[in-house]
Amino acid sequence: MAWRRAEQQTYLSSLLQRAGQPDRARQLLDDALRQAQALDAPWLQSSIHTSLAILLADTGNSAETLTHWQAAIDLARLAGAARAEALGLANIADYYLKQRDWQTTYDLAAKALPLGRALHNEGTESVALANMGLALIGLGHKDEGLALWRQSVAIDIRNGNLSAQADSTLELAHYLEAAGHGADALKAWRQGQQLRADFNQQDRARATLELQEGYANEQRQHELDMLSREVRLKDEQLINHELRVKQWTAAGLACLLALGVVAELARRLRERNRQLRHSNEALRLQAERDPLTGLANRHHLQSVMAARPAARGLEGSLFLLDVDHFKHINDRCGHAGGDIVLVEIARRLQATLRDEDLIVRWGGEEFLVLMPPMPVAEADLLARRMLAALADQPVAHGGLPIPVSASIGYGLFPLPGHDAPVDWERALALVDTALYLSKAHGRNCATGIHHVEPEAAADLDRLSRTLEAAWQSGSVALSVQHGPRVRTTLAGGSAATGPAKSRQRELTS
């Protein structure tokens, strides 16, 4: 059907835009729009105008971009699609916010707010309140703007979305600074950093739950061992019974038969023990292996750490990787595409590192690498090699390329300049903070901890929360390694950097 073809062309255009082919994406959208107009389908036309506006926003053609935004809103209103209308108003308001047209931003967001509330769409309501508040700050009404912004954050708190609360607070810091409220901006930035640390703490709490699940697996293993011992006991009882019976038979024949029975029972016992050992080993490997990538999982790393002397702390080089924009990969390509990306990243890491290096799928789109101690210069070189291995080629899925890159945090332990032992949980917290700094520096880069002054290392828990401030004060030396340009075409095509993620795409995805 024509309308289905128009929808498919709209989706394909978004993939072409991500692959750095805006001209082909524009041709598909123009053709899809002509088909939707011929079908007299205002809702479909609204969706296509929205995609055109997002595409043109990257070209700097403000007049045509705004024309498509307004057409999307008018057609959504004509079709009675209140949700699409509210979303369009939020998108265009966000566009004007980035252009720092404060009054227009406020007026459009004020129109989107009642629509979001009427639809009970808390996402649209939260975005509208945040945009109104930030626009008022830009207009010089800081107190009124902060009041509206807090209402937006209250929605995130009510929904338990700590990550969104942290991002919104860091965005507030940016616009407070732009409005000349430096002290307030610094306070908001620190609050955002603390919220991000709290979110990371929640993630560690989830890891604790997984550890408890591992304890339950150990209990089941214990029950299996008890069952194995019971089977061996019954086998021994059977052997004794057979021997007593054979004692009353003829001497020669009885001895031969008894020896045959004993040999067969011994063989069966050995075979059963061998099968039990094989089953136990298979269960242990299954519990410590990620089923998707085949890499080790958290349980295996915890077993490795438990086997090491705790008093000596972590001795080695620790790298933590997080796939950039993984949510967009799942949104665009589905979870099957996301799984293909994770499997390919695991393969590239194994090809880059040695067989004896421990590679762990730490959870979701995060990977952890633990290696023996090495000089700082070698760690920096290895970080660049991993960045290049991930960004060198896109991942093929359904005939289309998926650009990939990662952000990395890493450190050497014991910390350079500080010989006191560091337990692996605190070491992980430090490289996790370094990973967050890599994201803050634009992603596709690696941040390494080169040197720590003794006074900064005295309180490692505090250092993991204030690593960037310690870097700026000079008590910590960091190294930032930037990755290569991200390839967006498969081998044989031209390489280009994919378009940066924008808030407009998040609203329309």
Protein backbone atom coordinates (compact mmCIF):
# COMPACT_ATOMS: atom_id res chain seq x y z
CA MET A 1 0.00 0.00 0.00
CA ALA A 2 1.11 3.57 -0.72
CA TRP A 3 0.88 4.76 2.90
CA ARG A 4 3.01 1.83 4.11
CA ARG A 5 5.64 2.61 1.47
CA ALA A 6 5.71 6.24 2.63
CA GLU A 7 6.23 5.11 6.24
CA GLN A 8 9.08 2.78 5.20
CA GLN A 9 10.76 5.58 3.22
CA THR A 10 10.55 7.85 6.29
CA TYR A 11 12.24 5.24 8.48
CA LEU A 12 14.92 4.53 5.84
CA SER A 13 15.68 8.26 5.57
CA SER A 14 16.55 8.40 9.28
CA LEU A 15 19.08 5.58 8.76
CA LEU A 16 20.61 7.37 5.75
CA GLN A 17 20.88 10.58 7.79
CA ARG A 18 22.76 8.71 10.55
CA ALA A 19 25.01 7.19 7.85
CA GLY A 20 26.00 10.67 6.66
CA GLN A 21 23.93 10.72 3.43
CA PRO A 22 21.58 13.71 3.94
CA ASP A 23 20.94 14.24 0.20
CA ARG A 24 19.57 10.71 -0.30
CA ALA A 25 17.58 11.04 2.91
CA ARG A 26 16.02 14.30 1.61
CA GLN A 27 15.04 12.64 -1.69
CA LEU A 28 13.24 9.82 0.11
CA LEU A 29 11.39 12.24 2.40
CA ASP A 30 10.29 14.47 -0.50
CA ASP A 31 8.94 11.41 -2.35
CA ALA A 32 7.19 10.15 0.80
CA LEU A 33 5.59 13.58 1.33
CA ARG A 34 4.20 13.61 -2.23
CA GLN A 35 2.63 10.18 -1.66
CA ALA A 36 1.13 11.24 1.71
CA GLN A 37 -0.35 14.39 0.09
CA ALA A 38 -1.87 12.26 -2.68
CA LEU A 39 -3.43 10.00 -0.04
CA ASP A 40 -4.79 13.04 1.86
CA ALA A 41 -3.30 11.62 5.09
CA PRO A 42 -2.62 14.61 7.40
CA TRP A 43 -1.22 12.49 10.25
CA LEU A 44 1.32 10.84 7.92
CA GLN A 45 2.19 14.23 6.40
CA SER A 46 2.82 15.60 9.91
CA SER A 47 5.26 12.78 10.65
CA ILE A 48 7.17 13.36 7.39
CA HIS A 49 7.36 17.15 7.99
CA THR A 50 8.82 16.40 11.42
CA SER A 51 11.54 14.19 9.86
CA LEU A 52 12.31 16.92 7.28
CA ALA A 53 12.66 19.53 10.03
CA ILE A 54 15.10 17.32 11.97
CA LEU A 55 17.12 16.69 8.79
CA LEU A 56 17.28 20.38 7.86
CA ALA A 57 18.17 21.49 11.41
CA ASP A 58 21.70 20.21 10.78
CA THR A 59 22.08 22.25 7.56
CA GLY A 60 21.57 25.68 9.13
CA ASN A 61 18.58 26.49 6.89
CA SER A 62 16.45 28.04 9.64
CA ALA A 63 13.65 29.35 7.41
CA GLU A 64 12.89 26.01 5.74
CA THR A 65 13.35 24.15 9.03
CA LEU A 66 10.75 26.31 10.77
CA THR A 67 8.37 25.94 7.79
CA HIS A 68 8.40 22.16 8.21
CA TRP A 69 8.02 22.38 12.01
CA GLN A 70 4.94 24.60 11.64
CA ALA A 71 3.48 22.33 8.93
CA ALA A 72 3.94 19.30 11.21
CA ILE A 73 2.04 21.03 14.02
CA ASP A 74 -0.78 22.32 11.76
CA LEU A 75 -1.31 18.89 10.14
CA ALA A 76 -1.28 17.12 13.51
CA ARG A 77 -3.95 19.54 14.73
CA LEU A 78 -5.97 18.94 11.53
CA ALA A 79 -5.76 15.16 12.03
CA GLY A 80 -6.85 15.47 15.66
CA ALA A 81 -3.54 13.89 16.78
CA ALA A 82 -3.10 15.78 20.05
CA ARG A 83 -0.07 13.75 21.06
CA ALA A 84 1.75 14.52 17.80
CA GLU A 85 0.77 18.20 18.11
CA ALA A 86 2.17 18.38 21.66
CA LEU A 87 5.34 16.63 20.53
CA GLY A 88 5.74 19.04 17.60
CA LEU A 89 5.34 22.06 19.88
CA ALA A 90 7.94 20.64 22.25
CA ASN A 91 10.35 20.00 19.35
CA ILE A 92 10.05 23.49 17.88
CA ALA A 93 10.34 25.05 21.35
CA ASP A 94 13.55 23.10 21.91
CA TYR A 95 14.81 24.35 18.54
CA TYR A 96 14.23 28.00 19.54
CA LEU A 97 15.84 27.33 22.95
CA LYS A 98 19.07 26.27 21.27
CA GLN A 99 18.85 29.43 19.11
CA ARG A 100 18.43 31.40 22.40
CA ASP A 101 15.15 32.94 21.21
CA TRP A 102 13.82 32.94 24.77
CA GLN A 103 10.38 34.51 24.21
CA THR A 104 9.42 32.25 21.29
CA THR A 105 10.63 29.22 23.28
CA TYR A 106 8.44 30.21 26.23
CA ASP A 107 5.33 30.84 24.09
CA LEU A 108 5.58 27.48 22.25
CA ALA A 109 6.33 25.47 25.40
CA ALA A 110 3.38 27.16 27.13
CA LYS A 111 1.14 25.82 24.34
CA ALA A 112 2.57 22.30 24.63
CA LEU A 113 2.14 22.14 28.42
CA PRO A 114 -1.70 21.94 28.63
CA LEU A 115 -1.76 19.43 25.76
CA GLY A 116 0.71 17.17 27.58
CA ARG A 117 -1.29 17.39 30.79
CA ALA A 118 -4.58 16.67 29.04
CA LEU A 119 -3.03 13.57 27.48
CA HIS A 120 -1.46 12.54 30.81
CA ASN A 121 1.84 12.44 28.92
CA GLU A 122 4.37 13.22 31.63
CA GLY A 123 7.28 13.19 29.15
CA THR A 124 5.83 16.09 27.12
CA GLU A 125 4.79 17.88 30.33
CA SER A 126 8.30 17.59 31.80
CA VAL A 127 9.99 18.88 28.60
CA ALA A 128 7.55 21.80 28.31
CA LEU A 129 8.08 22.87 31.96
CA ALA A 130 11.87 22.61 31.58
CA ASN A 131 11.89 24.68 28.35
CA MET A 132 9.63 27.35 29.90
CA GLY A 133 11.88 27.56 32.95
CA LEU A 134 15.11 27.80 30.94
CA ALA A 135 13.54 30.43 28.65
CA LEU A 136 12.54 32.57 31.67
CA ILE A 137 16.11 32.34 32.98
CA GLY A 138 17.32 33.58 29.59
CA LEU A 139 14.79 36.46 29.78
CA GLY A 140 16.18 37.52 33.14
CA HIS A 141 13.44 36.01 35.38
CA LYS A 142 15.67 33.52 37.19
CA ASP A 143 13.42 32.80 40.22
CA GLU A 144 10.30 32.18 38.10
CA GLY A 145 12.30 30.01 35.69
CA LEU A 146 13.77 27.92 38.50
CA ALA A 147 10.29 27.32 39.92
CA LEU A 148 9.07 25.85 36.60
CA TRP A 149 12.28 23.87 36.15
CA ARG A 150 11.80 22.30 39.61
CA GLN A 151 8.30 21.18 38.59
CA SER A 152 9.88 19.38 35.61
CA VAL A 153 12.46 17.69 37.84
CA ALA A 154 9.69 16.67 40.29
CA ILE A 155 8.17 14.57 37.47
CA ASP A 156 11.52 12.80 36.94
CA ILE A 157 11.80 12.19 40.69
CA ARG A 158 8.25 10.82 40.85
CA ASN A 159 9.05 8.40 38.03
CA GLY A 160 12.34 7.38 39.67
CA ASN A 161 14.34 8.57 36.65
CA LEU A 162 17.56 9.61 38.41
CA SER A 163 19.57 9.67 35.17
CA ALA A 164 17.15 12.18 33.55
CA GLN A 165 17.24 14.29 36.74
CA ALA A 166 21.04 14.44 36.56
CA ASP A 167 21.01 15.40 32.84
CA SER A 168 18.38 18.10 33.44
CA THR A 169 20.42 19.59 36.31
CA LEU A 170 23.58 19.73 34.18
CA GLU A 171 21.55 21.41 31.38
CA LEU A 172 20.29 23.99 33.92
CA ALA A 173 23.90 24.77 34.84
CA HIS A 174 24.65 25.50 31.16
CA TYR A 175 21.81 28.03 30.76
CA LEU A 176 22.47 29.66 34.15
CA GLU A 177 26.04 30.25 33.06
CA ALA A 178 24.84 31.66 29.71
CA ALA A 179 22.56 34.08 31.61
CA GLY A 180 25.47 35.32 33.74
CA HIS A 181 24.59 33.50 37.00
CA GLY A 182 28.01 31.93 37.52
CA ALA A 183 27.62 30.97 41.18
CA ASP A 184 24.21 29.38 40.61
CA ALA A 185 25.58 27.57 37.54
CA LEU A 186 28.46 26.11 39.55
CA LYS A 187 26.05 24.96 42.29
CA ALA A 188 23.78 23.31 39.71
CA TRP A 189 26.75 21.64 38.04
CA ARG A 190 27.87 20.16 41.36
CA GLN A 191 24.34 18.94 42.10
CA GLY A 192 24.24 17.30 38.66
CA GLN A 193 27.57 15.61 39.32
CA GLN A 194 26.31 14.35 42.69
CA LEU A 195 23.12 13.02 41.09
CA ARG A 196 25.22 11.25 38.48
CA ALA A 197 27.31 9.72 41.31
CA ASP A 198 24.09 8.63 43.08
CA PHE A 199 22.91 7.00 39.86
CA ASN A 200 26.20 5.13 39.63
CA GLN A 201 25.73 4.07 43.27
CA GLN A 202 22.31 2.65 42.38
CA ASP A 203 23.97 0.72 39.59
CA ARG A 204 26.42 -0.72 42.10
CA ALA A 205 23.46 -1.66 44.30
CA ARG A 206 22.05 -3.64 41.38
CA ALA A 207 25.43 -5.37 41.14
CA THR A 208 25.04 -6.33 44.83
CA LEU A 209 21.70 -7.95 44.00
CA GLU A 210 23.41 -9.92 41.28
CA LEU A 211 25.99 -11.03 43.85
CA GLN A 212 23.14 -12.25 46.04
CA GLU A 213 21.81 -14.22 43.09
CA GLY A 214 25.28 -15.73 42.78
CA TYR A 215 25.02 -16.81 46.42
CA ALA A 216 21.73 -18.55 45.59
CA ASN A 217 23.52 -20.38 42.76
CA GLU A 218 26.15 -21.51 45.25
CA GLN A 219 23.39 -22.87 47.50
CA ARG A 220 22.00 -24.87 44.59
CA GLN A 221 25.51 -26.15 43.86
CA HIS A 222 25.81 -27.24 47.50
CA GLU A 223 22.53 -29.18 47.20
CA LEU A 224 23.89 -30.86 44.05
CA ASP A 225 27.05 -31.89 45.94
CA MET A 226 24.92 -33.37 48.75
CA LEU A 227 22.92 -35.36 46.19
CA SER A 228 26.18 -36.61 44.66
CA ARG A 229 27.43 -37.84 48.04
CA GLU A 230 24.10 -39.61 48.65
CA VAL A 231 24.41 -41.40 45.31
CA ARG A 232 27.95 -42.52 46.17
CA LEU A 233 26.76 -43.83 49.55
CA LYS A 234 24.00 -45.87 47.93
CA ASP A 235 26.51 -47.26 45.44
CA GLU A 236 28.77 -48.37 48.29
CA GLN A 237 25.84 -50.03 50.05
CA LEU A 238 25.00 -51.88 46.87
CA ILE A 239 28.59 -53.11 46.54
CA ASN A 240 28.60 -54.41 50.13
CA HIS A 241 25.32 -56.25 49.60
CA GLU A 242 26.61 -57.89 46.45
CA LEU A 243 29.75 -59.07 48.23
CA ARG A 244 27.81 -60.67 51.10
CA VAL A 245 25.60 -62.63 48.67
CA LYS A 246 28.55 -63.94 46.68
CA GLN A 247 30.31 -65.27 49.80
CA TRP A 248 27.81 -68.22 49.99
CA THR A 249 28.37 -69.43 46.45
CA ALA A 250 30.98 -71.86 45.25
CA ALA A 251 34.50 -70.74 46.03
CA GLY A 252 35.92 -70.43 42.55
CA LEU A 253 32.81 -69.28 40.74
CA ALA A 254 31.84 -67.00 43.61
CA CYS A 255 35.21 -65.26 43.50
CA LEU A 256 35.04 -64.75 39.73
CA LEU A 257 31.49 -63.47 39.82
CA ALA A 258 32.23 -61.20 42.77
CA LEU A 259 35.24 -59.75 40.97
CA GLY A 260 33.12 -59.15 37.85
CA VAL A 261 30.35 -57.45 39.82
CA VAL A 262 32.82 -55.32 41.75
CA ALA A 263 34.56 -54.28 38.52
CA GLU A 264 31.27 -53.33 36.87
CA LEU A 265 30.07 -51.41 39.91
CA ALA A 266 33.42 -49.63 40.16
CA ARG A 267 33.21 -48.72 36.48
CA ARG A 268 29.69 -47.38 36.94
CA LEU A 269 30.77 -45.45 40.02
CA ARG A 270 33.72 -43.91 38.17
CA GLU A 271 31.48 -43.02 35.22
CA ARG A 272 28.86 -41.44 37.50
CA ASN A 273 31.54 -39.45 39.32
CA ARG A 274 32.95 -38.32 35.98
CA GLN A 275 29.48 -37.19 34.83
CA LEU A 276 28.91 -35.34 38.11
CA ARG A 277 32.28 -33.56 37.79
CA HIS A 278 31.44 -32.64 34.19
CA SER A 279 27.99 -31.33 35.22
CA ASN A 280 29.48 -29.31 38.09
CA GLU A 281 32.08 -27.73 35.79
CA ALA A 282 29.43 -26.95 33.16
CA LEU A 283 27.22 -25.25 35.79
CA ARG A 284 30.16 -23.21 37.07
CA LEU A 285 31.10 -22.06 33.55
CA GLN A 286 27.47 -21.22 32.76
CA ALA A 287 27.17 -19.11 35.92
CA GLU A 288 30.34 -17.14 35.06
CA ARG A 289 29.84 -16.63 31.30
CA ASP A 290 27.74 -14.03 29.43
CA PRO A 291 25.39 -16.03 27.13
CA LEU A 292 25.27 -13.32 24.39
CA THR A 293 28.94 -12.43 23.86
CA GLY A 294 30.64 -15.46 25.39
CA LEU A 295 32.76 -13.15 27.59
CA ALA A 296 33.18 -13.51 31.34
CA ASN A 297 30.49 -11.81 33.47
CA ARG A 298 30.37 -10.06 36.86
CA HIS A 299 30.27 -13.38 38.76
CA HIS A 300 33.55 -14.49 37.19
CA LEU A 301 35.30 -11.19 38.01
CA GLN A 302 34.06 -11.38 41.60
CA SER A 303 35.47 -14.93 41.85
CA VAL A 304 38.82 -13.71 40.49
CA MET A 305 38.92 -10.81 42.98
CA ALA A 306 37.91 -13.07 45.89
CA ALA A 307 40.85 -15.38 45.09
CA ARG A 308 43.38 -12.53 45.39
CA PRO A 309 44.83 -11.32 48.73
CA ALA A 310 42.57 -8.48 49.87
CA ALA A 311 45.33 -6.75 51.88
CA ARG A 312 47.38 -6.10 48.75
CA GLY A 313 44.52 -4.37 46.93
CA LEU A 314 44.12 -4.33 43.13
CA GLU A 315 47.36 -4.77 41.19
CA GLY A 316 46.87 -4.22 37.50
CA SER A 317 45.50 -2.01 34.75
CA LEU A 318 41.71 -1.48 34.79
CA PHE A 319 39.72 -0.23 31.75
CA LEU A 320 35.93 0.44 31.72
CA LEU A 321 34.16 0.97 28.34
CA ASP A 322 30.63 2.20 27.60
CA VAL A 323 29.17 2.05 24.05
CA ASP A 324 28.22 5.56 22.87
CA HIS A 325 24.55 6.30 22.05
CA PHE A 326 23.54 2.64 22.54
CA LYS A 327 19.92 3.63 23.26
CA HIS A 328 19.71 5.19 19.77
CA ILE A 329 21.03 1.95 18.25
CA ASN A 330 18.27 -0.02 20.00
CA ASP A 331 15.65 2.60 19.02
CA ARG A 332 16.66 2.60 15.35
CA CYS A 333 17.61 -1.05 14.80
CA GLY A 334 15.71 -2.91 17.50
CA HIS A 335 17.19 -5.07 20.24
CA ALA A 336 18.34 -7.61 17.65
CA GLY A 337 20.53 -4.93 16.08
CA GLY A 338 21.77 -3.90 19.53
CA ASP A 339 22.73 -7.52 20.29
CA ILE A 340 24.68 -7.74 17.01
CA VAL A 341 26.61 -4.57 17.98
CA LEU A 342 27.48 -5.99 21.45
CA VAL A 343 28.70 -9.30 19.94
CA GLU A 344 30.85 -7.45 17.38
CA ILE A 345 32.36 -5.15 20.04
CA ALA A 346 33.27 -8.23 22.12
CA ARG A 347 34.95 -9.77 19.05
CA ARG A 348 36.94 -6.58 18.33
CA LEU A 349 38.14 -6.33 21.93
CA GLN A 350 39.28 -9.99 21.85
CA ALA A 351 41.14 -9.34 18.58
CA THR A 352 42.85 -6.23 20.06
CA LEU A 353 43.86 -7.73 23.43
CA ARG A 354 45.82 -10.83 24.44
CA ASP A 355 44.30 -14.21 25.31
CA GLU A 356 45.46 -13.89 28.93
CA ASP A 357 43.76 -10.47 29.42
CA LEU A 358 40.42 -10.67 31.25
CA ILE A 359 37.52 -9.14 29.24
CA VAL A 360 34.19 -8.89 31.08
CA ARG A 361 30.73 -7.86 29.92
CA TRP A 362 30.06 -5.71 32.96
CA GLY A 363 26.35 -5.14 32.20
CA GLY A 364 24.16 -3.73 29.42
CA GLU A 365 26.50 -1.88 27.02
CA GLU A 366 29.46 -1.74 29.46
CA PHE A 367 32.65 -3.82 29.15
CA LEU A 368 35.54 -4.15 31.64
CA VAL A 369 39.16 -5.13 30.90
CA LEU A 370 41.63 -6.20 33.62
CA MET A 371 45.30 -6.58 32.63
CA PRO A 372 48.66 -6.93 34.43
CA PRO A 373 50.44 -3.73 35.54
CA MET A 374 52.03 -1.69 32.72
CA PRO A 375 53.75 1.69 32.24
CA VAL A 376 51.52 4.76 31.83
CA ALA A 377 52.63 5.28 28.21
CA GLU A 378 51.62 1.70 27.28
CA ALA A 379 48.21 2.16 28.93
CA ASP A 380 47.63 5.36 26.89
CA LEU A 381 48.63 3.54 23.68
CA LEU A 382 46.33 0.62 24.47
CA ALA A 383 43.40 2.99 25.11
CA ARG A 384 43.92 4.57 21.67
CA ARG A 385 44.10 1.11 20.06
CA MET A 386 40.76 0.09 21.62
CA LEU A 387 39.12 3.37 20.48
CA ALA A 388 40.41 2.79 16.93
CA ALA A 389 39.35 -0.88 16.87
CA LEU A 390 35.76 0.03 17.79
CA ALA A 391 35.33 3.10 15.53
CA ASP A 392 37.27 1.80 12.50
CA GLN A 393 34.31 0.10 10.81
CA PRO A 394 30.52 0.33 11.35
CA VAL A 395 28.63 -2.85 12.22
CA ALA A 396 26.54 -4.30 9.37
CA HIS A 397 22.89 -5.08 10.18
CA GLY A 398 20.23 -5.73 7.57
CA GLY A 399 22.48 -4.38 4.81
CA LEU A 400 22.88 -1.01 6.58
CA PRO A 401 25.90 0.28 8.57
CA ILE A 402 25.62 1.02 12.32
CA PRO A 403 28.38 3.49 13.37
CA VAL A 404 29.91 2.53 16.73
CA SER A 405 32.30 4.14 19.20
CA ALA A 406 32.90 3.99 22.93
CA SER A 407 33.91 6.13 25.91
CA ILE A 408 36.66 4.72 28.17
CA GLY A 409 37.91 5.36 31.69
CA TYR A 410 41.10 3.66 32.89
CA GLY A 411 43.71 3.67 35.63
CA LEU A 412 46.78 1.85 36.94
CA PHE A 413 46.73 0.33 40.43
CA PRO A 414 48.30 0.94 42.88
CA LEU A 415 47.73 4.56 41.84
CA PRO A 416 50.84 6.30 40.40
CA GLY A 417 52.21 8.57 43.12
CA HIS A 418 50.29 6.65 45.83
CA ASP A 419 51.57 3.19 46.84
CA ALA A 420 48.87 2.38 49.39
CA PRO A 421 46.64 -0.57 48.35
CA VAL A 422 43.29 0.24 46.65
CA ASP A 423 40.52 -2.37 46.81
CA TRP A 424 38.96 -3.22 43.46
CA GLU A 425 35.54 -1.68 44.27
CA ARG A 426 37.15 1.75 44.85
CA ALA A 427 39.36 1.29 41.80
CA LEU A 428 36.22 0.58 39.76
CA ALA A 429 34.53 3.72 41.17
CA LEU A 430 37.54 5.85 40.09
CA VAL A 431 37.66 4.56 36.49
CA ASP A 432 33.85 4.85 36.31
CA THR A 433 34.21 8.57 37.11
CA ALA A 434 36.97 8.84 34.49
CA LEU A 435 34.54 7.19 32.01
CA TYR A 436 31.92 9.82 32.81
CA LEU A 437 34.50 12.56 32.10
CA SER A 438 35.11 10.92 28.68
CA LYS A 439 31.38 11.27 27.96
CA ALA A 440 31.48 14.89 29.12
CA HIS A 441 34.36 15.55 26.70
CA GLY A 442 32.22 14.53 23.71
CA ARG A 443 32.44 10.68 23.80
CA ASN A 444 34.68 8.55 21.55
CA CYS A 445 37.59 9.26 23.88
CA ALA A 446 39.45 7.73 26.84
CA THR A 447 40.34 9.42 30.13
CA GLY A 448 43.18 7.85 32.15
CA ILE A 449 44.40 8.56 35.69
CA HIS A 450 48.15 9.33 35.40
CA HIS A 451 49.14 10.59 38.84
CA VAL A 452 47.49 11.26 42.22
CA GLU A 453 48.99 13.46 44.93
CA PRO A 454 48.99 11.89 48.45
CA GLU A 455 46.54 14.43 49.86
CA ALA A 456 44.01 13.67 47.10
CA ALA A 457 44.43 9.90 47.56
CA ALA A 458 43.76 10.10 51.31
CA ASP A 459 39.98 9.90 50.71
CA LEU A 460 39.35 7.78 47.59
CA ASP A 461 35.56 7.83 48.02
CA ARG A 462 35.57 11.62 47.87
CA LEU A 463 38.10 11.62 45.01
CA SER A 464 35.79 9.43 42.89
CA ARG A 465 33.07 12.11 43.27
CA THR A 466 35.35 15.16 42.70
CA LEU A 467 37.84 13.79 40.15
CA GLU A 468 37.37 16.64 37.65
CA ALA A 469 37.77 19.29 40.35
CA ALA A 470 40.93 17.55 41.59
CA TRP A 471 42.23 17.55 38.01
CA GLN A 472 41.60 21.27 37.64
CA SER A 473 43.34 21.98 40.97
CA GLY A 474 46.43 20.00 39.92
CA SER A 475 46.26 17.32 42.62
CA VAL A 476 45.37 14.71 39.98
CA ALA A 477 46.90 14.32 36.51
CA LEU A 478 44.61 12.91 33.81
CA SER A 479 45.23 11.94 30.19
CA VAL A 480 42.51 12.37 27.54
CA GLN A 481 42.94 10.23 24.39
CA HIS A 482 40.57 11.10 21.52
CA GLY A 483 39.45 8.36 19.16
CA PRO A 484 39.51 8.50 15.34
CA ARG A 485 36.64 9.81 13.22
CA VAL A 486 33.75 7.34 13.46
CA ARG A 487 33.27 5.35 10.23
CA THR A 488 29.63 5.41 9.07
CA THR A 489 29.94 3.32 5.91
CA LEU A 490 30.96 -0.29 5.38
CA ALA A 491 34.34 -1.21 3.88
CA GLY A 492 34.67 0.27 0.39
CA GLY A 493 32.53 3.35 1.14
CA SER A 494 33.68 6.82 2.17
CA ALA A 495 34.13 7.47 5.89
CA ALA A 496 32.37 10.31 7.63
CA THR A 497 31.50 11.30 11.15
CA GLY A 498 27.86 10.57 11.96
CA PRO A 499 25.58 13.39 13.05
CA ALA A 500 25.72 14.31 16.73
CA LYS A 501 22.82 13.31 18.93
CA SER A 502 20.36 16.16 19.44
CA ARG A 503 17.54 16.63 21.86
CA GLN A 504 15.10 16.92 18.95
CA ARG A 505 15.87 13.33 17.93
CA GLU A 506 15.28 12.12 21.47
CA LEU A 507 11.86 13.78 21.50
CA THR A 508 10.79 12.30 18.18
CA SER A 509 12.21 8.81 18.52
